[in-house]
C-alpha atoms as a PDB file:
ATOM      1  CA  UNK A   1     125.254  99.954  97.211  1.00  0.00           C
ATOM      2  CA  UNK A   2     122.240 100.521  99.451  1.00  0.00           C
ATOM      3  CA  UNK A   3     121.288 104.187  99.792  1.00  0.00           C
ATOM      4  CA  UNK A   4     118.730 104.705 102.567  1.00  0.00           C
ATOM      5  CA  UNK A   5     118.036 108.291 101.470  1.00  0.00           C
ATOM      6  CA  UNK A   6     117.326 107.206  97.892  1.00  0.00           C
ATOM      7  CA  UNK A   7     115.024 104.441  99.140  1.00  0.00           C
ATOM      8  CA  UNK A   8     113.086 106.860 101.363  1.00  0.00           C
ATOM      9  CA  UNK A   9     112.783 109.236  98.412  1.00  0.00           C
ATOM     10  CA  UNK A  10     111.415 106.347  96.330  1.00  0.00           C
ATOM     11  CA  UNK A  11     108.568 105.879  98.812  1.00  0.00           C
ATOM     12  CA  UNK A  12     108.075 109.641  99.317  1.00  0.00           C
ATOM     13  CA  UNK A  13     108.921 109.430 103.007  1.00  0.00           C
ATOM     14  CA  UNK A  14     110.439 112.381 104.872  1.00  0.00           C
ATOM     15  CA  UNK A  15     109.321 111.613 108.423  1.00  0.00           C
ATOM     16  CA  UNK A  16     111.179 110.457 111.522  1.00  0.00           C
ATOM     17  CA  UNK A  17     113.746 107.698 111.324  1.00  0.00           C
ATOM     18  CA  UNK A  18     113.780 106.491 114.912  1.00  0.00           C
ATOM     19  CA  UNK A  19     113.038 102.735 115.208  1.00  0.00           C
ATOM     20  CA  UNK A  20     109.590 103.237 116.756  1.00  0.00           C
ATOM     21  CA  UNK A  21     106.148 101.826 116.008  1.00  0.00           C
ATOM     22  CA  UNK A  22     105.070 105.199 114.646  1.00  0.00           C
ATOM     23  CA  UNK A  23     107.946 105.125 112.161  1.00  0.00           C
ATOM     24  CA  UNK A  24     107.270 101.520 111.157  1.00  0.00           C
ATOM     25  CA  UNK A  25     103.587 102.275 110.543  1.00  0.00           C
ATOM     26  CA  UNK A  26     104.435 105.298 108.423  1.00  0.00           C
ATOM     27  CA  UNK A  27     107.130 103.485 106.433  1.00  0.00           C
ATOM     28  CA  UNK A  28     104.881 100.533 105.612  1.00  0.00           C
ATOM     29  CA  UNK A  29     102.034 102.802 104.536  1.00  0.00           C
ATOM     30  CA  UNK A  30     104.287 104.965 102.367  1.00  0.00           C
ATOM     31  CA  UNK A  31     105.825 101.866 100.791  1.00  0.00           C
ATOM     32  CA  UNK A  32     102.463 100.357  99.907  1.00  0.00           C
ATOM     33  CA  UNK A  33     101.227 103.645  98.430  1.00  0.00           C
ATOM     34  CA  UNK A  34     104.358 104.094  96.287  1.00  0.00           C
ATOM     35  CA  UNK A  35     105.689 100.688  95.207  1.00  0.00           C
ATOM     36  CA  UNK A  36     103.407  98.377  93.232  1.00  0.00           C
ATOM     37  CA  UNK A  37     103.018  94.663  93.731  1.00  0.00           C
ATOM     38  CA  UNK A  38     103.780  93.275  90.271  1.00  0.00           C
ATOM     39  CA  UNK A  39     104.978  90.145  88.473  1.00  0.00           C
ATOM     40  CA  UNK A  40     105.800  91.697  85.099  1.00  0.00           C
ATOM     41  CA  UNK A  41     109.322  90.267  84.933  1.00  0.00           C
ATOM     42  CA  UNK A  42     107.934  86.742  85.095  1.00  0.00           C
ATOM     43  CA  UNK A  43     105.974  87.400  81.897  1.00  0.00           C
ATOM     44  CA  UNK A  44     108.920  89.172  80.289  1.00  0.00           C
ATOM     45  CA  UNK A  45     111.080  86.113  80.871  1.00  0.00           C
ATOM     46  CA  UNK A  46     113.424  88.151  83.077  1.00  0.00           C
ATOM     47  CA  UNK A  47     114.649  85.941  85.973  1.00  0.00           C
ATOM     48  CA  UNK A  48     114.113  87.159  89.533  1.00  0.00           C
ATOM     49  CA  UNK A  49     116.931  86.048  91.821  1.00  0.00           C
ATOM     50  CA  UNK A  50     117.210  86.368  95.586  1.00  0.00           C
ATOM     51  CA  UNK A  51     119.813  89.096  95.396  1.00  0.00           C
ATOM     52  CA  UNK A  52     119.466  92.300  97.402  1.00  0.00           C
ATOM     53  CA  UNK A  53     121.485  94.338  94.865  1.00  0.00           C
ATOM     54  CA  UNK A  54     119.083  93.297  92.108  1.00  0.00           C
ATOM     55  CA  UNK A  55     116.102  94.148  94.310  1.00  0.00           C
ATOM     56  CA  UNK A  56     117.486  97.613  95.021  1.00  0.00           C
ATOM     57  CA  UNK A  57     118.275  98.298  91.361  1.00  0.00           C
ATOM     58  CA  UNK A  58     114.783  97.270  90.283  1.00  0.00           C
ATOM     59  CA  UNK A  59     112.672  98.955  92.969  1.00  0.00           C
ATOM     60  CA  UNK A  60     114.702 102.056  93.864  1.00  0.00           C
ATOM     61  CA  UNK A  61     116.732 102.879  90.758  1.00  0.00           C
ATOM     62  CA  UNK A  62     114.344 101.674  88.045  1.00  0.00           C
ATOM     63  CA  UNK A  63     111.302 102.628  90.171  1.00  0.00           C
ATOM     64  CA  UNK A  64     109.604  99.309  89.577  1.00  0.00           C
ATOM     65  CA  UNK A  65     107.698  97.039  91.941  1.00  0.00           C
ATOM     66  CA  UNK A  66     107.983  93.326  92.573  1.00  0.00           C
ATOM     67  CA  UNK A  67     106.555  90.413  94.511  1.00  0.00           C
ATOM     68  CA  UNK A  68     107.048  89.301  98.104  1.00  0.00           C
ATOM     69  CA  UNK A  69     110.684  88.165  98.067  1.00  0.00           C
ATOM     70  CA  UNK A  70     111.782  91.384  96.399  1.00  0.00           C
ATOM     71  CA  UNK A  71     109.567  93.830  98.284  1.00  0.00           C
ATOM     72  CA  UNK A  72     109.770  92.398 101.792  1.00  0.00           C
ATOM     73  CA  UNK A  73     113.413  91.460 101.363  1.00  0.00           C
ATOM     74  CA  UNK A  74     114.264  95.040 100.443  1.00  0.00           C
ATOM     75  CA  UNK A  75     111.940  96.577 103.051  1.00  0.00           C
ATOM     76  CA  UNK A  76     113.593  94.452 105.730  1.00  0.00           C
ATOM     77  CA  UNK A  77     116.969  95.760 104.597  1.00  0.00           C
ATOM     78  CA  UNK A  78     115.687  99.331 104.881  1.00  0.00           C
ATOM     79  CA  UNK A  79     114.310  98.720 108.366  1.00  0.00           C
ATOM     80  CA  UNK A  80     117.620  97.226 109.479  1.00  0.00           C
ATOM     81  CA  UNK A  81     119.446 100.241 108.113  1.00  0.00           C
ATOM     82  CA  UNK A  82     117.244 102.496 110.242  1.00  0.00           C
ATOM     83  CA  UNK A  83     117.979 100.577 113.409  1.00  0.00           C
ATOM     84  CA  UNK A  84     115.010  98.221 113.601  1.00  0.00           C
ATOM     85  CA  UNK A  85     115.451  94.599 114.599  1.00  0.00           C
ATOM     86  CA  UNK A  86     113.860  92.660 111.753  1.00  0.00           C
ATOM     87  CA  UNK A  87     113.543  88.996 110.800  1.00  0.00           C
ATOM     88  CA  UNK A  88     112.460  87.366 107.546  1.00  0.00           C
ATOM     89  CA  UNK A  89     109.787  84.762 108.265  1.00  0.00           C
ATOM     90  CA  UNK A  90     108.106  82.156 106.083  1.00  0.00           C
ATOM     91  CA  UNK A  91     104.378  82.111 105.387  1.00  0.00           C
ATOM     92  CA  UNK A  92     102.095  79.639 103.616  1.00  0.00           C
ATOM     93  CA  UNK A  93      99.346  81.359 101.624  1.00  0.00           C
ATOM     94  CA  UNK A  94      95.792  80.039 101.590  1.00  0.00           C
ATOM     95  CA  UNK A  95      94.999  78.313  98.303  1.00  0.00           C
ATOM     96  CA  UNK A  96      91.826  78.484  96.255  1.00  0.00           C
ATOM     97  CA  UNK A  97      90.962  74.974  97.483  1.00  0.00           C
ATOM     98  CA  UNK A  98      91.105  75.939 101.139  1.00  0.00           C
ATOM     99  CA  UNK A  99      94.504  74.531 102.078  1.00  0.00           C
ATOM    100  CA  UNK A 100      97.805  76.350 102.414  1.00  0.00           C
ATOM    101  CA  UNK A 101     100.884  76.478 100.224  1.00  0.00           C
ATOM    102  CA  UNK A 102     104.338  75.090 101.072  1.00  0.00           C
ATOM    103  CA  UNK A 103     107.023  76.592 103.277  1.00  0.00           C
ATOM    104  CA  UNK A 104     108.588  79.777 101.823  1.00  0.00           C
ATOM    105  CA  UNK A 105     105.484  80.334  99.710  1.00  0.00           C
ATOM    106  CA  UNK A 106     105.527  83.925 100.974  1.00  0.00           C
ATOM    107  CA  UNK A 107     107.997  86.102 102.840  1.00  0.00           C
ATOM    108  CA  UNK A 108     106.797  88.362 105.656  1.00  0.00           C
ATOM    109  CA  UNK A 109     108.672  90.310 108.325  1.00  0.00           C
ATOM    110  CA  UNK A 110     108.756  90.101 112.120  1.00  0.00           C
ATOM    111  CA  UNK A 111     109.651  93.418 113.769  1.00  0.00           C
ATOM    112  CA  UNK A 112     109.927  93.556 117.587  1.00  0.00           C
ATOM    113  CA  UNK A 113     109.658  97.025 119.113  1.00  0.00           C
ATOM    114  CA  UNK A 114     109.808  97.707 122.829  1.00  0.00           C
ATOM    115  CA  UNK A 115     109.154  94.102 123.766  1.00  0.00           C
ATOM    116  CA  UNK A 116     106.133  93.779 121.447  1.00  0.00           C
ATOM    117  CA  UNK A 117     106.126  91.855 118.168  1.00  0.00           C
ATOM    118  CA  UNK A 118     104.690  93.204 114.929  1.00  0.00           C
ATOM    119  CA  UNK A 119     103.947  91.514 111.606  1.00  0.00           C
ATOM    120  CA  UNK A 120     105.020  93.780 108.735  1.00  0.00           C
ATOM    121  CA  UNK A 121     104.335  93.047 105.073  1.00  0.00           C
ATOM    122  CA  UNK A 122     104.679  95.167 101.924  1.00  0.00           C
ATOM    123  CA  UNK A 123     104.724  92.219  99.515  1.00  0.00           C
ATOM    124  CA  UNK A 124     101.286  90.585  99.702  1.00  0.00           C
ATOM    125  CA  UNK A 125      99.359  92.828  97.358  1.00  0.00           C
ATOM    126  CA  UNK A 126      95.976  93.853  98.740  1.00  0.00           C
ATOM    127  CA  UNK A 127      96.673  93.637 102.464  1.00  0.00           C
ATOM    128  CA  UNK A 128      97.087  95.603 105.687  1.00  0.00           C
ATOM    129  CA  UNK A 129      98.529  99.108 105.437  1.00  0.00           C
ATOM    130  CA  UNK A 130      99.772  99.066 109.031  1.00  0.00           C
ATOM    131  CA  UNK A 131     101.675  96.362 110.933  1.00  0.00           C
ATOM    132  CA  UNK A 132      99.619  93.780 112.827  1.00  0.00           C
ATOM    133  CA  UNK A 133     100.328  93.145 116.505  1.00  0.00           C
ATOM    134  CA  UNK A 134     101.128  89.590 117.582  1.00  0.00           C
ATOM    135  CA  UNK A 135     100.508  90.464 121.238  1.00  0.00           C
ATOM    136  CA  UNK A 136      96.726  90.184 121.029  1.00  0.00           C
ATOM    137  CA  UNK A 137      94.213  87.807 119.501  1.00  0.00           C
ATOM    138  CA  UNK A 138      91.607  90.565 119.327  1.00  0.00           C
ATOM    139  CA  UNK A 139      90.541  92.158 116.069  1.00  0.00           C
ATOM    140  CA  UNK A 140      92.666  95.054 114.834  1.00  0.00           C
ATOM    141  CA  UNK A 141      91.206  97.730 112.589  1.00  0.00           C
ATOM    142  CA  UNK A 142      93.201  98.736 109.508  1.00  0.00           C
ATOM    143  CA  UNK A 143      92.151 101.060 106.649  1.00  0.00           C
ATOM    144  CA  UNK A 144      91.772  97.911 104.516  1.00  0.00           C
ATOM    145  CA  UNK A 145      89.661  95.884 106.967  1.00  0.00           C
ATOM    146  CA  UNK A 146      89.742  93.974 110.249  1.00  0.00           C
ATOM    147  CA  UNK A 147      92.687  91.697 111.002  1.00  0.00           C
ATOM    148  CA  UNK A 148      93.511  89.317 113.798  1.00  0.00           C
ATOM    149  CA  UNK A 149      95.885  86.447 114.481  1.00  0.00           C
ATOM    150  CA  UNK A 150      95.421  82.997 115.969  1.00  0.00           C
ATOM    151  CA  UNK A 151      98.125  80.686 117.302  1.00  0.00           C
ATOM    152  CA  UNK A 152      98.269  76.877 117.218  1.00  0.00           C
ATOM    153  CA  UNK A 153     101.427  75.462 118.801  1.00  0.00           C
ATOM    154  CA  UNK A 154     104.259  77.166 116.878  1.00  0.00           C
ATOM    155  CA  UNK A 155     102.192  78.239 113.876  1.00  0.00           C
ATOM    156  CA  UNK A 156     100.257  81.462 113.559  1.00  0.00           C
ATOM    157  CA  UNK A 157      97.295  82.274 111.320  1.00  0.00           C
ATOM    158  CA  UNK A 158      96.533  85.713 109.900  1.00  0.00           C
ATOM    159  CA  UNK A 159      92.859  86.438 109.213  1.00  0.00           C
ATOM    160  CA  UNK A 160      91.288  89.338 107.358  1.00  0.00           C
ATOM    161  CA  UNK A 161      87.611  89.942 108.075  1.00  0.00           C
ATOM    162  CA  UNK A 162      87.615  86.440 109.599  1.00  0.00           C
ATOM    163  CA  UNK A 163      88.915  84.818 106.409  1.00  0.00           C
ATOM    164  CA  UNK A 164      92.336  83.084 106.526  1.00  0.00           C
ATOM    165  CA  UNK A 165      95.129  84.819 104.608  1.00  0.00           C
ATOM    166  CA  UNK A 166      98.273  82.872 105.479  1.00  0.00           C
ATOM    167  CA  UNK A 167      99.950  80.704 108.109  1.00  0.00           C
ATOM    168  CA  UNK A 168     103.404  81.536 109.413  1.00  0.00           C
ATOM    169  CA  UNK A 169     105.977  80.773 112.068  1.00  0.00           C
ATOM    170  CA  UNK A 170     108.427  83.106 113.781  1.00  0.00           C
ATOM    171  CA  UNK A 171     111.455  81.055 112.723  1.00  0.00           C
ATOM    172  CA  UNK A 172     114.117  83.406 111.289  1.00  0.00           C
ATOM    173  CA  UNK A 173     115.394  82.737 107.777  1.00  0.00           C
ATOM    174  CA  UNK A 174     117.933  84.167 105.356  1.00  0.00           C
ATOM    175  CA  UNK A 175     117.158  85.530 101.898  1.00  0.00           C
ATOM    176  CA  UNK A 176     118.734  82.519 100.190  1.00  0.00           C
ATOM    177  CA  UNK A 177     116.300  80.199 101.965  1.00  0.00           C
ATOM    178  CA  UNK A 178     113.542  81.523  99.704  1.00  0.00           C
ATOM    179  CA  UNK A 179     115.407  80.875  96.443  1.00  0.00           C
ATOM    180  CA  UNK A 180     113.692  77.571  95.673  1.00  0.00           C
ATOM    181  CA  UNK A 181     110.166  78.913  95.979  1.00  0.00           C
ATOM    182  CA  UNK A 182     111.149  82.132  94.213  1.00  0.00           C
ATOM    183  CA  UNK A 183     112.189  79.992  91.237  1.00  0.00           C
ATOM    184  CA  UNK A 184     109.025  77.880  91.517  1.00  0.00           C
ATOM    185  CA  UNK A 185     106.737  80.890  91.392  1.00  0.00           C
ATOM    186  CA  UNK A 186     108.448  82.101  88.207  1.00  0.00           C
ATOM    187  CA  UNK A 187     108.419  78.806  86.337  1.00  0.00           C
ATOM    188  CA  UNK A 188     105.689  76.438  87.518  1.00  0.00           C
ATOM    189  CA  UNK A 189     102.391  76.356  85.605  1.00  0.00           C
ATOM    190  CA  UNK A 190     100.781  75.797  89.010  1.00  0.00           C
ATOM    191  CA  UNK A 191     102.070  79.104  90.360  1.00  0.00           C
ATOM    192  CA  UNK A 192      99.507  81.925  90.391  1.00  0.00           C
ATOM    193  CA  UNK A 193     102.215  84.266  89.133  1.00  0.00           C
ATOM    194  CA  UNK A 194     102.726  82.447  85.827  1.00  0.00           C
ATOM    195  CA  UNK A 195      99.040  82.383  84.973  1.00  0.00           C
ATOM    196  CA  UNK A 196      98.449  86.110  84.580  1.00  0.00           C
ATOM    197  CA  UNK A 197     100.313  89.403  84.737  1.00  0.00           C
ATOM    198  CA  UNK A 198      99.385  91.807  87.524  1.00  0.00           C
ATOM    199  CA  UNK A 199     100.433  95.256  88.680  1.00  0.00           C
ATOM    200  CA  UNK A 200      98.615  96.640  91.712  1.00  0.00           C
ATOM    201  CA  UNK A 201      99.006  99.602  94.040  1.00  0.00           C
ATOM    202  CA  UNK A 202      97.196 100.783  97.166  1.00  0.00           C
ATOM    203  CA  UNK A 203      95.644 104.258  97.093  1.00  0.00           C
ATOM    204  CA  UNK A 204      94.324 106.443  99.894  1.00  0.00           C
ATOM    205  CA  UNK A 205      90.763 105.331  99.185  1.00  0.00           C
ATOM    206  CA  UNK A 206      91.179 101.899  97.657  1.00  0.00           C
ATOM    207  CA  UNK A 207      93.347 100.264  95.021  1.00  0.00           C
ATOM    208  CA  UNK A 208      94.256 100.373  91.344  1.00  0.00           C
ATOM    209  CA  UNK A 209      95.177  97.193  89.490  1.00  0.00           C
ATOM    210  CA  UNK A 210      95.998  95.987  86.010  1.00  0.00           C
ATOM    211  CA  UNK A 211      95.086  92.302  85.932  1.00  0.00           C
ATOM    212  CA  UNK A 212      95.675  90.731  82.561  1.00  0.00           C
ATOM    213  CA  UNK A 213      94.105  93.229  80.160  1.00  0.00           C
ATOM    214  CA  UNK A 214      91.704  94.743  82.690  1.00  0.00           C
ATOM    215  CA  UNK A 215      92.116  97.994  84.573  1.00  0.00           C
ATOM    216  CA  UNK A 216      90.376  97.710  87.942  1.00  0.00           C
ATOM    217  CA  UNK A 217      89.871 100.719  90.200  1.00  0.00           C
ATOM    218  CA  UNK A 218      88.309 100.535  93.654  1.00  0.00           C
ATOM    219  CA  UNK A 219      87.468 103.801  95.381  1.00  0.00           C
ATOM    220  CA  UNK A 220      85.642 103.994  98.721  1.00  0.00           C
ATOM    221  CA  UNK A 221      84.210 100.538  98.132  1.00  0.00           C
ATOM    222  CA  UNK A 222      83.048 101.193  94.555  1.00  0.00           C
ATOM    223  CA  UNK A 223      84.661  99.017  91.872  1.00  0.00           C
ATOM    224  CA  UNK A 224      85.099  99.935  88.210  1.00  0.00           C
ATOM    225  CA  UNK A 225      86.539  97.698  85.496  1.00  0.00           C
ATOM    226  CA  UNK A 226      87.555  98.607  81.964  1.00  0.00           C
ATOM    227  CA  UNK A 227      89.239  96.703  79.164  1.00  0.00           C
ATOM    228  CA  UNK A 228      92.603  97.945  77.941  1.00  0.00           C
ATOM    229  CA  UNK A 229      92.318  97.954  74.186  1.00  0.00           C
ATOM    230  CA  UNK A 230      95.618  96.638  72.858  1.00  0.00           C
ATOM    231  CA  UNK A 231      99.255  96.647  73.884  1.00  0.00           C
ATOM    232  CA  UNK A 232      99.706 100.386  73.532  1.00  0.00           C
ATOM    233  CA  UNK A 233      96.876 101.056  75.995  1.00  0.00           C
ATOM    234  CA  UNK A 234      98.324  98.449  78.374  1.00  0.00           C
ATOM    235  CA  UNK A 235     101.764 100.069  78.418  1.00  0.00           C
ATOM    236  CA  UNK A 236     100.235 103.519  78.703  1.00  0.00           C
ATOM    237  CA  UNK A 237      98.220 102.430  81.746  1.00  0.00           C
ATOM    238  CA  UNK A 238     101.387 101.122  83.390  1.00  0.00           C
ATOM    239  CA  UNK A 239     103.051 104.496  82.871  1.00  0.00           C
ATOM    240  CA  UNK A 240     100.067 106.573  83.921  1.00  0.00           C
ATOM    241  CA  UNK A 241      99.017 104.684  87.040  1.00  0.00           C
ATOM    242  CA  UNK A 242     102.228 103.099  88.335  1.00  0.00           C
ATOM    243  CA  UNK A 243     105.075 105.081  86.824  1.00  0.00           C
ATOM    244  CA  UNK A 244     106.353 101.853  85.251  1.00  0.00           C
ATOM    245  CA  UNK A 245     107.957 102.379  81.861  1.00  0.00           C
ATOM    246  CA  UNK A 246     110.129 100.076  79.770  1.00  0.00           C
ATOM    247  CA  UNK A 247     112.749 101.334  77.325  1.00  0.00           C
ATOM    248  CA  UNK A 248     112.027  98.565  74.847  1.00  0.00           C
ATOM    249  CA  UNK A 249     109.141  96.237  74.133  1.00  0.00           C
ATOM    250  CA  UNK A 250     109.703  93.890  77.118  1.00  0.00           C
ATOM    251  CA  UNK A 251     106.646  91.709  76.689  1.00  0.00           C
ATOM    252  CA  UNK A 252     106.449  90.160  73.249  1.00  0.00           C
ATOM    253  CA  UNK A 253     103.256  88.901  71.717  1.00  0.00           C
ATOM    254  CA  UNK A 254     104.332  85.330  72.294  1.00  0.00           C
ATOM    255  CA  UNK A 255     104.851  85.932  76.034  1.00  0.00           C
ATOM    256  CA  UNK A 256     101.839  88.064  76.827  1.00  0.00           C
ATOM    257  CA  UNK A 257      99.522  88.802  73.892  1.00  0.00           C
ATOM    258  CA  UNK A 258      96.901  91.265  75.061  1.00  0.00           C
ATOM    259  CA  UNK A 259      94.258  89.511  73.004  1.00  0.00           C
ATOM    260  CA  UNK A 260      94.650  86.358  75.107  1.00  0.00           C
ATOM    261  CA  UNK A 261      94.818  87.960  78.563  1.00  0.00           C
ATOM    262  CA  UNK A 262      92.038  86.850  80.852  1.00  0.00           C
ATOM    263  CA  UNK A 263      90.506  88.642  83.803  1.00  0.00           C
END
């Protein structure tokens, strides 16, 4: 079951539903302000599979978040249900060493509207609130910074404030094409998602994040960090700031002991 009305309620959206740029911009912003980017299931030992029904149950019914395959996969499904033409595309994220990850490292969305192509993304964490145009190489101002794209043969590069974010092509893919990298990011010690838990959400003036045992709040450029003192405080912060609550104790001390979380 995929209930468009329930999904729109989840992201607190009650605006127009016509497949226009204005609607796409509003939907992406509402999504990013309502649904957190989080990898908590990886640290709970709960497998994430490329299955749209599972994505819907987790994000809409359980009111959780997720990472790129879940969030962009589901957002693409919503856009399609509203009459948008949408394609899942593969992106390779810039690594800490300056290179880029493998194919299917990240899922983004290509949304053509009125003969113009737009890059949409609700699954990258701290990123653009509004879709980025692929019809210009000029800088584009977003509430989160300046973005622009470059193109080299068939590969594109997304830059934020002149720093590379990820490379991508416009080749269309299916959800199952991402299954291998989805598994990798849950299991490999080299994956950034297995190293530390994170739950992060955009706000009107910045961002709020739980990274390991730290609560990080940015507001109008000012950054504040505080240590969450123990598991109870960690779970309480998830409830208070993200609306994420678990019925049982999903993260045992062996999987994610607060005392050993690093910033």
